[in-house]
């Protein structure tokens, strides 16, 4: 995935948190890893100046992601599943 594709996937999941469970069942590890990476990096501070409404919305969505247990996701484990797709079936 390109960086832009990762951002779009992460923002889609933040906007629609009910899809996280669906992505888990579908073993869409790359998109889930993109979500975790995006949330861990947090919203760029310069966005507060260039697009305050988007900045607030993303901050709220990331906060909700972590409040719903998003910190339980292991980025390292998701990336390992991406590298070794057979590990998903173990």
PDB file of N, CA and C in Angstrom:
ATOM      1  N   UNK A   1       0.841  -1.189   0.000  1.00  0.00           N
ATOM      2  CA  UNK A   1       0.000   0.000   0.000  1.00  0.00           C
ATOM      3  C   UNK A   1       0.884   1.250   0.000  1.00  0.00           C
ATOM      4  N   UNK A   2       0.435   2.245  -0.731  1.00  0.00           N
ATOM      5  CA  UNK A   2       1.139   3.517  -0.686  1.00  0.00           C
ATOM      6  C   UNK A   2       0.749   4.239   0.598  1.00  0.00           C
ATOM      7  N   UNK A   3       1.492   5.284   0.915  1.00  0.00           N
ATOM      8  CA  UNK A   3       1.185   6.052   2.123  1.00  0.00           C
ATOM      9  C   UNK A   3      -0.214   6.659   2.037  1.00  0.00           C
ATOM     10  N   UNK A   4      -0.601   7.119   0.873  1.00  0.00           N
ATOM     11  CA  UNK A   4      -1.939   7.702   0.688  1.00  0.00           C
ATOM     12  C   UNK A   4      -3.021   6.638   0.856  1.00  0.00           C
ATOM     13  N   UNK A   5      -2.797   5.442   0.302  1.00  0.00           N
ATOM     14  CA  UNK A   5      -3.765   4.354   0.459  1.00  0.00           C
ATOM     15  C   UNK A   5      -3.913   3.967   1.932  1.00  0.00           C
ATOM     16  N   UNK A   6      -2.787   3.959   2.649  1.00  0.00           N
ATOM     17  CA  UNK A   6      -2.840   3.656   4.082  1.00  0.00           C
ATOM     18  C   UNK A   6      -3.656   4.702   4.827  1.00  0.00           C
ATOM     19  N   UNK A   7      -3.422   5.971   4.499  1.00  0.00           N
ATOM     20  CA  UNK A   7      -4.168   7.037   5.174  1.00  0.00           C
ATOM     21  C   UNK A   7      -5.662   6.913   4.898  1.00  0.00           C
ATOM     22  N   UNK A   8      -6.018   6.637   3.659  1.00  0.00           N
ATOM     23  CA  UNK A   8      -7.430   6.502   3.312  1.00  0.00           C
ATOM     24  C   UNK A   8      -8.061   5.307   4.022  1.00  0.00           C
ATOM     25  N   UNK A   9      -7.351   4.192   4.105  1.00  0.00           N
ATOM     26  CA  UNK A   9      -7.862   3.008   4.803  1.00  0.00           C
ATOM     27  C   UNK A   9      -8.050   3.307   6.284  1.00  0.00           C
ATOM     28  N   UNK A  10      -7.079   3.969   6.877  1.00  0.00           N
ATOM     29  CA  UNK A  10      -7.161   4.306   8.301  1.00  0.00           C
ATOM     30  C   UNK A  10      -8.320   5.261   8.565  1.00  0.00           C
ATOM     31  N   UNK A  11      -8.462   6.264   7.729  1.00  0.00           N
ATOM     32  CA  UNK A  11      -9.546   7.228   7.931  1.00  0.00           C
ATOM     33  C   UNK A  11     -10.906   6.586   7.729  1.00  0.00           C
ATOM     34  N   UNK A  12     -11.006   5.637   6.798  1.00  0.00           N
ATOM     35  CA  UNK A  12     -12.272   4.921   6.601  1.00  0.00           C
ATOM     36  C   UNK A  12     -12.633   4.140   7.860  1.00  0.00           C
ATOM     37  N   UNK A  13     -11.654   3.463   8.451  1.00  0.00           N
ATOM     38  CA  UNK A  13     -11.919   2.674   9.654  1.00  0.00           C
ATOM     39  C   UNK A  13     -12.195   3.556  10.865  1.00  0.00           C
ATOM     40  N   UNK A  14     -11.559   4.695  10.933  1.00  0.00           N
ATOM     41  CA  UNK A  14     -11.861   5.620  12.031  1.00  0.00           C
ATOM     42  C   UNK A  14     -13.272   6.174  11.892  1.00  0.00           C
ATOM     43  N   UNK A  15     -13.671   6.432  10.669  1.00  0.00           N
ATOM     44  CA  UNK A  15     -15.011   6.970  10.394  1.00  0.00           C
ATOM     45  C   UNK A  15     -16.093   5.913  10.630  1.00  0.00           C
ATOM     46  N   UNK A  16     -15.738   4.641  10.392  1.00  0.00           N
ATOM     47  CA  UNK A  16     -16.694   3.534  10.506  1.00  0.00           C
ATOM     48  C   UNK A  16     -16.100   2.449  11.397  1.00  0.00           C
ATOM     49  N   UNK A  17     -16.028   2.682  12.700  1.00  0.00           N
ATOM     50  CA  UNK A  17     -15.342   1.734  13.596  1.00  0.00           C
ATOM     51  C   UNK A  17     -15.967   0.340  13.628  1.00  0.00           C
ATOM     52  N   UNK A  18     -17.236   0.232  13.252  1.00  0.00           N
ATOM     53  CA  UNK A  18     -17.862  -1.088  13.223  1.00  0.00           C
ATOM     54  C   UNK A  18     -17.227  -2.003  12.170  1.00  0.00           C
ATOM     55  N   UNK A  19     -16.520  -1.425  11.221  1.00  0.00           N
ATOM     56  CA  UNK A  19     -15.868  -2.210  10.168  1.00  0.00           C
ATOM     57  C   UNK A  19     -14.580  -2.867  10.650  1.00  0.00           C
ATOM     58  N   UNK A  20     -14.046  -2.449  11.790  1.00  0.00           N
ATOM     59  CA  UNK A  20     -12.800  -3.046  12.302  1.00  0.00           C
ATOM     60  C   UNK A  20     -13.000  -4.543  12.516  1.00  0.00           C
ATOM     61  N   UNK A  21     -14.102  -4.927  13.126  1.00  0.00           N
ATOM     62  CA  UNK A  21     -14.386  -6.340  13.339  1.00  0.00           C
ATOM     63  C   UNK A  21     -14.520  -7.108  12.033  1.00  0.00           C
ATOM     64  N   UNK A  22     -15.131  -6.484  11.055  1.00  0.00           N
ATOM     65  CA  UNK A  22     -15.274  -7.102   9.734  1.00  0.00           C
ATOM     66  C   UNK A  22     -13.903  -7.321   9.118  1.00  0.00           C
ATOM     67  N   UNK A  23     -13.035  -6.314   9.196  1.00  0.00           N
ATOM     68  CA  UNK A  23     -11.692  -6.428   8.639  1.00  0.00           C
ATOM     69  C   UNK A  23     -10.896  -7.510   9.363  1.00  0.00           C
ATOM     70  N   UNK A  24     -11.121  -7.650  10.669  1.00  0.00           N
ATOM     71  CA  UNK A  24     -10.450  -8.729  11.411  1.00  0.00           C
ATOM     72  C   UNK A  24     -10.891 -10.088  10.874  1.00  0.00           C
ATOM     73  N   UNK A  25     -12.188 -10.275  10.720  1.00  0.00           N
ATOM     74  CA  UNK A  25     -12.701 -11.546  10.204  1.00  0.00           C
ATOM     75  C   UNK A  25     -12.212 -11.813   8.785  1.00  0.00           C
ATOM     76  N   UNK A  26     -12.066 -10.774   7.992  1.00  0.00           N
ATOM     77  CA  UNK A  26     -11.618 -10.920   6.609  1.00  0.00           C
ATOM     78  C   UNK A  26     -10.090 -10.987   6.514  1.00  0.00           C
ATOM     79  N   UNK A  27      -9.422 -10.876   7.651  1.00  0.00           N
ATOM     80  CA  UNK A  27      -7.959 -10.925   7.738  1.00  0.00           C
ATOM     81  C   UNK A  27      -7.299  -9.873   6.836  1.00  0.00           C
ATOM     82  N   UNK A  28      -7.819  -8.680   6.898  1.00  0.00           N
ATOM     83  CA  UNK A  28      -7.287  -7.556   6.116  1.00  0.00           C
ATOM     84  C   UNK A  28      -6.246  -6.841   6.970  1.00  0.00           C
ATOM     85  N   UNK A  29      -5.137  -7.545   7.159  1.00  0.00           N
ATOM     86  CA  UNK A  29      -4.084  -7.106   8.075  1.00  0.00           C
ATOM     87  C   UNK A  29      -3.463  -5.780   7.654  1.00  0.00           C
ATOM     88  N   UNK A  30      -3.281  -5.557   6.369  1.00  0.00           N
ATOM     89  CA  UNK A  30      -2.623  -4.328   5.908  1.00  0.00           C
ATOM     90  C   UNK A  30      -3.442  -3.096   6.297  1.00  0.00           C
ATOM     91  N   UNK A  31      -4.751  -3.165   6.113  1.00  0.00           N
ATOM     92  CA  UNK A  31      -5.599  -2.030   6.459  1.00  0.00           C
ATOM     93  C   UNK A  31      -5.636  -1.814   7.964  1.00  0.00           C
ATOM     94  N   UNK A  32      -5.690  -2.902   8.728  1.00  0.00           N
ATOM     95  CA  UNK A  32      -5.680  -2.776  10.189  1.00  0.00           C
ATOM     96  C   UNK A  32      -4.355  -2.213  10.682  1.00  0.00           C
ATOM     97  N   UNK A  33      -3.253  -2.651  10.083  1.00  0.00           N
ATOM     98  CA  UNK A  33      -1.941  -2.111  10.453  1.00  0.00           C
ATOM     99  C   UNK A  33      -1.871  -0.627  10.115  1.00  0.00           C
ATOM    100  N   UNK A  34      -2.454  -0.237   8.982  1.00  0.00           N
ATOM    101  CA  UNK A  34      -2.481   1.175   8.598  1.00  0.00           C
ATOM    102  C   UNK A  34      -3.246   1.992   9.629  1.00  0.00           C
ATOM    103  N   UNK A  35      -4.352   1.442  10.115  1.00  0.00           N
ATOM    104  CA  UNK A  35      -5.146   2.117  11.143  1.00  0.00           C
ATOM    105  C   UNK A  35      -4.330   2.314  12.416  1.00  0.00           C
ATOM    106  N   UNK A  36      -3.669   1.275  12.866  1.00  0.00           N
ATOM    107  CA  UNK A  36      -2.883   1.353  14.103  1.00  0.00           C
ATOM    108  C   UNK A  36      -1.739   2.345  13.937  1.00  0.00           C
ATOM    109  N   UNK A  37      -1.036   2.284  12.802  1.00  0.00           N
ATOM    110  CA  UNK A  37       0.065   3.227  12.547  1.00  0.00           C
ATOM    111  C   UNK A  37      -0.446   4.665  12.554  1.00  0.00           C
ATOM    112  N   UNK A  38      -1.559   4.908  11.872  1.00  0.00           N
ATOM    113  CA  UNK A  38      -2.136   6.251  11.789  1.00  0.00           C
ATOM    114  C   UNK A  38      -2.502   6.755  13.179  1.00  0.00           C
ATOM    115  N   UNK A  39      -3.149   5.906  13.967  1.00  0.00           N
ATOM    116  CA  UNK A  39      -3.564   6.305  15.313  1.00  0.00           C
ATOM    117  C   UNK A  39      -2.362   6.558  16.213  1.00  0.00           C
ATOM    118  N   UNK A  40      -1.336   5.742  16.094  1.00  0.00           N
ATOM    119  CA  UNK A  40      -0.147   5.924  16.928  1.00  0.00           C
ATOM    120  C   UNK A  40       0.609   7.195  16.564  1.00  0.00           C
ATOM    121  N   UNK A  41       0.621   7.534  15.284  1.00  0.00           N
ATOM    122  CA  UNK A  41       1.306   8.770  14.851  1.00  0.00           C
ATOM    123  C   UNK A  41       0.533  10.004  15.287  1.00  0.00           C
ATOM    124  N   UNK A  42      -0.780   9.854  15.428  1.00  0.00           N
ATOM    125  CA  UNK A  42      -1.685  10.938  15.802  1.00  0.00           C
ATOM    126  C   UNK A  42      -1.858  11.900  14.631  1.00  0.00           C
ATOM    127  N   UNK A  43      -2.694  12.866  14.824  1.00  0.00           N
ATOM    128  CA  UNK A  43      -3.014  13.829  13.768  1.00  0.00           C
ATOM    129  C   UNK A  43      -1.902  14.865  13.697  1.00  0.00           C
ATOM    130  N   UNK A  44      -1.424  15.160  12.491  1.00  0.00           N
ATOM    131  CA  UNK A  44      -0.383  16.187  12.358  1.00  0.00           C
ATOM    132  C   UNK A  44      -0.864  17.526  12.919  1.00  0.00           C
ATOM    133  N   UNK A  45      -0.054  18.135  13.777  1.00  0.00           N
ATOM    134  CA  UNK A  45      -0.444  19.408  14.410  1.00  0.00           C
ATOM    135  C   UNK A  45      -0.700  20.520  13.406  1.00  0.00           C
ATOM    136  N   UNK A  46       0.031  20.506  12.286  1.00  0.00           N
ATOM    137  CA  UNK A  46      -0.170  21.571  11.295  1.00  0.00           C
ATOM    138  C   UNK A  46      -1.577  21.533  10.703  1.00  0.00           C
ATOM    139  N   UNK A  47      -2.244  20.381  10.781  1.00  0.00           N
ATOM    140  CA  UNK A  47      -3.615  20.284  10.293  1.00  0.00           C
ATOM    141  C   UNK A  47      -4.555  21.163  11.123  1.00  0.00           C
ATOM    142  N   UNK A  48      -4.213  21.414  12.369  1.00  0.00           N
ATOM    143  CA  UNK A  48      -5.031  22.291  13.216  1.00  0.00           C
ATOM    144  C   UNK A  48      -5.079  23.706  12.641  1.00  0.00           C
ATOM    145  N   UNK A  49      -4.029  24.094  11.948  1.00  0.00           N
ATOM    146  CA  UNK A  49      -3.996  25.427  11.340  1.00  0.00           C
ATOM    147  C   UNK A  49      -4.622  25.436   9.950  1.00  0.00           C
ATOM    148  N   UNK A  50      -4.376  24.361   9.183  1.00  0.00           N
ATOM    149  CA  UNK A  50      -4.843  24.343   7.797  1.00  0.00           C
ATOM    150  C   UNK A  50      -6.281  23.877   7.648  1.00  0.00           C
ATOM    151  N   UNK A  51      -6.728  22.973   8.530  1.00  0.00           N
ATOM    152  CA  UNK A  51      -8.102  22.467   8.465  1.00  0.00           C
ATOM    153  C   UNK A  51      -8.556  22.080   9.875  1.00  0.00           C
ATOM    154  N   UNK A  52      -8.923  23.074  10.689  1.00  0.00           N
ATOM    155  CA  UNK A  52      -9.266  22.811  12.085  1.00  0.00           C
ATOM    156  C   UNK A  52     -10.411  21.814  12.269  1.00  0.00           C
ATOM    157  N   UNK A  53     -11.397  21.842  11.388  1.00  0.00           N
ATOM    158  CA  UNK A  53     -12.533  20.917  11.526  1.00  0.00           C
ATOM    159  C   UNK A  53     -12.086  19.472  11.318  1.00  0.00           C
ATOM    160  N   UNK A  54     -11.273  19.240  10.305  1.00  0.00           N
ATOM    161  CA  UNK A  54     -10.743  17.895  10.060  1.00  0.00           C
ATOM    162  C   UNK A  54      -9.849  17.455  11.210  1.00  0.00           C
ATOM    163  N   UNK A  55      -9.026  18.363  11.699  1.00  0.00           N
ATOM    164  CA  UNK A  55      -8.152  18.052  12.834  1.00  0.00           C
ATOM    165  C   UNK A  55      -8.983  17.594  14.030  1.00  0.00           C
ATOM    166  N   UNK A  56     -10.023  18.336  14.386  1.00  0.00           N
ATOM    167  CA  UNK A  56     -10.880  17.970  15.524  1.00  0.00           C
ATOM    168  C   UNK A  56     -11.548  16.613  15.307  1.00  0.00           C
ATOM    169  N   UNK A  57     -12.072  16.408  14.094  1.00  0.00           N
ATOM    170  CA  UNK A  57     -12.760  15.153  13.806  1.00  0.00           C
ATOM    171  C   UNK A  57     -11.811  13.958  13.924  1.00  0.00           C
ATOM    172  N   UNK A  58     -10.619  14.073  13.350  1.00  0.00           N
ATOM    173  CA  UNK A  58      -9.650  12.972  13.437  1.00  0.00           C
ATOM    174  C   UNK A  58      -9.200  12.741  14.874  1.00  0.00           C
ATOM    175  N   UNK A  59      -8.984  13.821  15.633  1.00  0.00           N
ATOM    176  CA  UNK A  59      -8.593  13.669  17.039  1.00  0.00           C
ATOM    177  C   UNK A  59      -9.673  12.925  17.813  1.00  0.00           C
ATOM    178  N   UNK A  60     -10.925  13.295  17.592  1.00  0.00           N
ATOM    179  CA  UNK A  60     -12.032  12.626  18.272  1.00  0.00           C
ATOM    180  C   UNK A  60     -12.112  11.158  17.872  1.00  0.00           C
ATOM    181  N   UNK A  61     -11.940  10.882  16.590  1.00  0.00           N
ATOM    182  CA  UNK A  61     -12.018   9.502  16.116  1.00  0.00           C
ATOM    183  C   UNK A  61     -10.878   8.650  16.682  1.00  0.00           C
ATOM    184  N   UNK A  62      -9.692   9.201  16.747  1.00  0.00           N
ATOM    185  CA  UNK A  62      -8.557   8.463  17.306  1.00  0.00           C
ATOM    186  C   UNK A  62      -8.764   8.219  18.793  1.00  0.00           C
ATOM    187  N   UNK A  63      -9.282   9.223  19.486  1.00  0.00           N
ATOM    188  CA  UNK A  63      -9.575   9.043  20.913  1.00  0.00           C
ATOM    189  C   UNK A  63     -10.581   7.926  21.106  1.00  0.00           C
ATOM    190  N   UNK A  64     -11.653   7.916  20.303  1.00  0.00           N
ATOM    191  CA  UNK A  64     -12.656   6.850  20.399  1.00  0.00           C
ATOM    192  C   UNK A  64     -12.047   5.489  20.073  1.00  0.00           C
ATOM    193  N   UNK A  65     -11.151   5.437  19.084  1.00  0.00           N
ATOM    194  CA  UNK A  65     -10.482   4.186  18.723  1.00  0.00           C
ATOM    195  C   UNK A  65      -9.752   3.614  19.938  1.00  0.00           C
ATOM    196  N   UNK A  66      -9.009   4.458  20.637  1.00  0.00           N
ATOM    197  CA  UNK A  66      -8.266   3.979  21.804  1.00  0.00           C
ATOM    198  C   UNK A  66      -9.200   3.661  22.973  1.00  0.00           C
ATOM    199  N   UNK A  67     -10.267   4.435  23.150  1.00  0.00           N
ATOM    200  CA  UNK A  67     -11.222   4.150  24.215  1.00  0.00           C
ATOM    201  C   UNK A  67     -11.945   2.822  23.991  1.00  0.00           C
ATOM    202  N   UNK A  68     -12.096   2.451  22.734  1.00  0.00           N
ATOM    203  CA  UNK A  68     -12.753   1.172  22.400  1.00  0.00           C
ATOM    204  C   UNK A  68     -11.777  -0.001  22.435  1.00  0.00           C
ATOM    205  N   UNK A  69     -10.556   0.242  22.846  1.00  0.00           N
ATOM    206  CA  UNK A  69      -9.597  -0.851  22.974  1.00  0.00           C
ATOM    207  C   UNK A  69      -8.583  -0.939  21.855  1.00  0.00           C
ATOM    208  N   UNK A  70      -8.453   0.086  21.064  1.00  0.00           N
ATOM    209  CA  UNK A  70      -7.526   0.072  19.942  1.00  0.00           C
ATOM    210  C   UNK A  70      -6.082  -0.141  20.338  1.00  0.00           C
ATOM    211  N   UNK A  71      -5.745   0.194  21.590  1.00  0.00           N
ATOM    212  CA  UNK A  71      -4.367  -0.010  22.027  1.00  0.00           C
ATOM    213  C   UNK A  71      -4.041  -1.484  22.240  1.00  0.00           C
ATOM    214  N   UNK A  72      -5.053  -2.359  22.141  1.00  0.00           N
ATOM    215  CA  UNK A  72      -4.810  -3.804  22.264  1.00  0.00           C
ATOM    216  C   UNK A  72      -4.216  -4.376  20.974  1.00  0.00           C
ATOM    217  N   UNK A  73      -4.344  -3.644  19.874  1.00  0.00           N
ATOM    218  CA  UNK A  73      -3.757  -4.093  18.617  1.00  0.00           C
ATOM    219  C   UNK A  73      -2.242  -3.994  18.680  1.00  0.00           C
ATOM    220  N   UNK A  74      -1.573  -5.032  18.246  1.00  0.00           N
ATOM    221  CA  UNK A  74      -0.114  -5.031  18.174  1.00  0.00           C
ATOM    222  C   UNK A  74       0.292  -4.782  16.727  1.00  0.00           C
ATOM    223  N   UNK A  75       0.917  -3.651  16.494  1.00  0.00           N
ATOM    224  CA  UNK A  75       1.376  -3.329  15.151  1.00  0.00           C
ATOM    225  C   UNK A  75       2.363  -4.378  14.660  1.00  0.00           C
ATOM    226  N   UNK A  76       3.244  -4.826  15.546  1.00  0.00           N
ATOM    227  CA  UNK A  76       4.241  -5.831  15.166  1.00  0.00           C
ATOM    228  C   UNK A  76       3.566  -7.136  14.742  1.00  0.00           C
ATOM    229  N   UNK A  77       2.543  -7.554  15.470  1.00  0.00           N
ATOM    230  CA  UNK A  77       1.830  -8.790  15.123  1.00  0.00           C
ATOM    231  C   UNK A  77       1.102  -8.648  13.784  1.00  0.00           C
ATOM    232  N   UNK A  78       0.481  -7.496  13.558  1.00  0.00           N
ATOM    233  CA  UNK A  78      -0.209  -7.284  12.282  1.00  0.00           C
ATOM    234  C   UNK A  78       0.783  -7.291  11.127  1.00  0.00           C
ATOM    235  N   UNK A  79       1.922  -6.638  11.314  1.00  0.00           N
ATOM    236  CA  UNK A  79       2.931  -6.618  10.255  1.00  0.00           C
ATOM    237  C   UNK A  79       3.498  -8.013   9.999  1.00  0.00           C
ATOM    238  N   UNK A  80       3.628  -8.818  11.044  1.00  0.00           N
ATOM    239  CA  UNK A  80       4.102 -10.193  10.874  1.00  0.00           C
ATOM    240  C   UNK A  80       3.086 -10.993  10.059  1.00  0.00           C
ATOM    241  N   UNK A  81       1.809 -10.773  10.288  1.00  0.00           N
ATOM    242  CA  UNK A  81       0.767 -11.473   9.527  1.00  0.00           C
ATOM    243  C   UNK A  81       0.796 -11.059   8.060  1.00  0.00           C
ATOM    244  N   UNK A  82       1.156  -9.812   7.789  1.00  0.00           N
ATOM    245  CA  UNK A  82       1.256  -9.337   6.418  1.00  0.00           C
ATOM    246  C   UNK A  82       2.413 -10.048   5.715  1.00  0.00           C
ATOM    247  N   UNK A  83       3.539 -10.187   6.424  1.00  0.00           N
ATOM    248  CA  UNK A  83       4.735 -10.819   5.835  1.00  0.00           C
ATOM    249  C   UNK A  83       4.552 -12.307   5.626  1.00  0.00           C
ATOM    250  N   UNK A  84       3.816 -12.963   6.512  1.00  0.00           N
ATOM    251  CA  UNK A  84       3.628 -14.411   6.432  1.00  0.00           C
ATOM    252  C   UNK A  84       2.141 -14.723   6.440  1.00  0.00           C
ATOM    253  N   UNK A  85       1.506 -14.646   5.281  1.00  0.00           N
ATOM    254  CA  UNK A  85       0.055 -14.847   5.206  1.00  0.00           C
ATOM    255  C   UNK A  85      -0.405 -16.192   5.757  1.00  0.00           C
ATOM    256  N   UNK A  86       0.432 -17.215   5.736  1.00  0.00           N
ATOM    257  CA  UNK A  86       0.006 -18.517   6.256  1.00  0.00           C
ATOM    258  C   UNK A  86      -0.173 -18.482   7.758  1.00  0.00           C
ATOM    259  N   UNK A  87       0.481 -17.537   8.430  1.00  0.00           N
ATOM    260  CA  UNK A  87       0.346 -17.425   9.885  1.00  0.00           C
ATOM    261  C   UNK A  87      -1.075 -17.055  10.264  1.00  0.00           C
ATOM    262  N   UNK A  88      -1.831 -16.484   9.353  1.00  0.00           N
ATOM    263  CA  UNK A  88      -3.208 -16.084   9.635  1.00  0.00           C
ATOM    264  C   UNK A  88      -4.108 -17.295   9.855  1.00  0.00           C
ATOM    265  N   UNK A  89      -3.711 -18.439   9.330  1.00  0.00           N
ATOM    266  CA  UNK A  89      -4.551 -19.627   9.433  1.00  0.00           C
ATOM    267  C   UNK A  89      -4.135 -20.534  10.576  1.00  0.00           C
ATOM    268  N   UNK A  90      -3.135 -20.157  11.322  1.00  0.00           N
ATOM    269  CA  UNK A  90      -2.668 -20.999  12.432  1.00  0.00           C
ATOM    270  C   UNK A  90      -3.486 -20.799  13.668  1.00  0.00           C
TER     271      UNK A  90
END
